[in-house]
C-alpha atoms as a PDB file:
ATOM      1  CA  MET A   1      12.184   2.776  -6.884  1.00  0.00           C
ATOM      2  CA  SER A   2      12.441   0.079  -4.267  1.00  0.00           C
ATOM      3  CA  LEU A   3       9.526  -2.219  -3.557  1.00  0.00           C
ATOM      4  CA  GLU A   4       9.161  -0.833  -0.036  1.00  0.00           C
ATOM      5  CA  ARG A   5       8.863   2.740  -1.302  1.00  0.00           C
ATOM      6  CA  ALA A   6       6.414   1.677  -4.011  1.00  0.00           C
ATOM      7  CA  VAL A   7       4.166   0.037  -1.398  1.00  0.00           C
ATOM      8  CA  MET A   8       4.270   3.146   0.790  1.00  0.00           C
ATOM      9  CA  ALA A   9       3.477   5.383  -2.206  1.00  0.00           C
ATOM     10  CA  PHE A  10       0.580   3.131  -3.214  1.00  0.00           C
ATOM     11  CA  ALA A  11      -0.822   3.092   0.339  1.00  0.00           C
ATOM     12  CA  GLY A  12      -0.574   6.869   0.582  1.00  0.00           C
ATOM     13  CA  THR A  13      -2.289   7.303  -2.766  1.00  0.00           C
ATOM     14  CA  MET A  14      -5.116   4.972  -1.759  1.00  0.00           C
ATOM     15  CA  ILE A  15      -5.625   6.816   1.534  1.00  0.00           C
ATOM     16  CA  LEU A  16      -5.729  10.244  -0.123  1.00  0.00           C
ATOM     17  CA  ALA A  17      -8.045   8.984  -2.879  1.00  0.00           C
ATOM     18  CA  SER A  18     -10.429   7.422  -0.373  1.00  0.00           C
ATOM     19  CA  LEU A  19     -10.492  10.601   1.704  1.00  0.00           C
ATOM     20  CA  ALA A  20     -11.351  12.662  -1.382  1.00  0.00           C
ATOM     21  CA  LEU A  21     -14.032  10.161  -2.403  1.00  0.00           C
ATOM     22  CA  ALA A  22     -15.454  10.161   1.132  1.00  0.00           C
ATOM     23  CA  HIS A  23     -15.663  13.942   1.056  1.00  0.00           C
ATOM     24  CA  TYR A  24     -17.187  14.294  -2.423  1.00  0.00           C
ATOM     25  CA  VAL A  25     -19.083  11.021  -2.987  1.00  0.00           C
ATOM     26  CA  SER A  26     -19.952   8.972   0.094  1.00  0.00           C
ATOM     27  CA  PRO A  27     -18.574   8.529   3.619  1.00  0.00           C
ATOM     28  CA  TYR A  28     -18.508   4.776   3.002  1.00  0.00           C
ATOM     29  CA  TRP A  29     -15.226   5.315   1.131  1.00  0.00           C
ATOM     30  CA  LEU A  30     -13.620   5.691   4.564  1.00  0.00           C
ATOM     31  CA  LEU A  31     -13.821   1.900   4.759  1.00  0.00           C
ATOM     32  CA  LEU A  32     -11.061   1.821   2.137  1.00  0.00           C
ATOM     33  CA  THR A  33      -8.930   4.025   4.379  1.00  0.00           C
ATOM     34  CA  ALA A  34      -9.525   1.639   7.278  1.00  0.00           C
ATOM     35  CA  PHE A  35      -8.667  -1.360   5.087  1.00  0.00           C
ATOM     36  CA  VAL A  36      -5.382   0.195   3.948  1.00  0.00           C
ATOM     37  CA  GLY A  37      -4.491   1.088   7.541  1.00  0.00           C
ATOM     38  CA  PHE A  38      -5.287  -2.427   8.730  1.00  0.00           C
ATOM     39  CA  ASN A  39      -3.121  -3.909   5.976  1.00  0.00           C
ATOM     40  CA  LEU A  40      -0.217  -1.645   6.933  1.00  0.00           C
ATOM     41  CA  ILE A  41      -0.477  -2.685  10.583  1.00  0.00           C
ATOM     42  CA  GLN A  42      -0.743  -6.423   9.899  1.00  0.00           C
ATOM     43  CA  SER A  43       2.132  -6.186   7.405  1.00  0.00           C
ATOM     44  CA  SER A  44       4.357  -4.607  10.037  1.00  0.00           C
ATOM     45  CA  PHE A  45       3.772  -7.572  12.349  1.00  0.00           C
ATOM     46  CA  THR A  46       3.679 -10.472   9.888  1.00  0.00           C
ATOM     47  CA  GLY A  47       5.780  -9.290   6.951  1.00  0.00           C
ATOM     48  CA  PHE A  48       2.991 -10.425   4.594  1.00  0.00           C
ATOM     49  CA  CYS A  49       1.932  -7.701   2.169  1.00  0.00           C
ATOM     50  CA  PRO A  50      -0.449  -8.532  -0.701  1.00  0.00           C
ATOM     51  CA  ALA A  51       0.362  -5.275  -2.502  1.00  0.00           C
ATOM     52  CA  ALA A  52       4.084  -6.085  -2.398  1.00  0.00           C
ATOM     53  CA  MET A  53       3.413  -9.533  -3.857  1.00  0.00           C
ATOM     54  CA  VAL A  54       1.476  -8.033  -6.776  1.00  0.00           C
ATOM     55  CA  MET A  55       4.057  -5.307  -7.366  1.00  0.00           C
ATOM     56  CA  ARG A  56       6.910  -7.815  -7.282  1.00  0.00           C
ATOM     57  CA  LYS A  57       5.170  -9.872  -9.983  1.00  0.00           C
ATOM     58  CA  LEU A  58       4.820  -6.689 -12.037  1.00  0.00           C
ATOM     59  CA  GLY A  59       8.567  -6.111 -11.725  1.00  0.00           C
ATOM     60  CA  VAL A  60       8.579  -3.169  -9.316  1.00  0.00           C
ATOM     61  CA  GLY A  61      11.823  -2.826  -7.375  1.00  0.00           C
ATOM     62  CA  ARG A  62      13.713  -5.332  -9.460  1.00  0.00           C
ATOM     63  CA  ASN A  63      16.535  -2.878 -10.205  1.00  0.00           C
ATOM     64  CA  ALA A  64      16.546  -1.092  -6.847  1.00  0.00           C
ATOM     65  CA  ALA A  65      19.874  -0.689  -5.082  1.00  0.00           C
ATOM     66  CA  SER A  66      18.559  -1.273  -1.578  1.00  0.00           C
ATOM     67  CA  GLY A  67      16.967  -4.481  -0.361  1.00  0.00           C
ATOM     68  CA  CYS A  68      13.304  -4.742   0.538  1.00  0.00           C
ATOM     69  CA  THR A  69      11.992  -5.812   3.898  1.00  0.00           C
ATOM     70  CA  PHE A  70       8.758  -7.218   2.453  1.00  0.00           C
ATOM     71  CA  ARG A  71       8.703 -10.947   1.743  1.00  0.00           C
END
């Protein structure tokens, strides 16, 4: 899996988890959804993605055939 796809999968998982937690636990979990959305928007403009940096250090996307647009 490429790093870009791993970041998108992680963001999607975090959004779905926060929506479920907001529904069943507390509406304050929607702040996590807003945080993930904000990070996706700022990453599209700046190219800086903290999740991609962590995943790269963990070795995600090292053997992917396609290049990654995240720096």
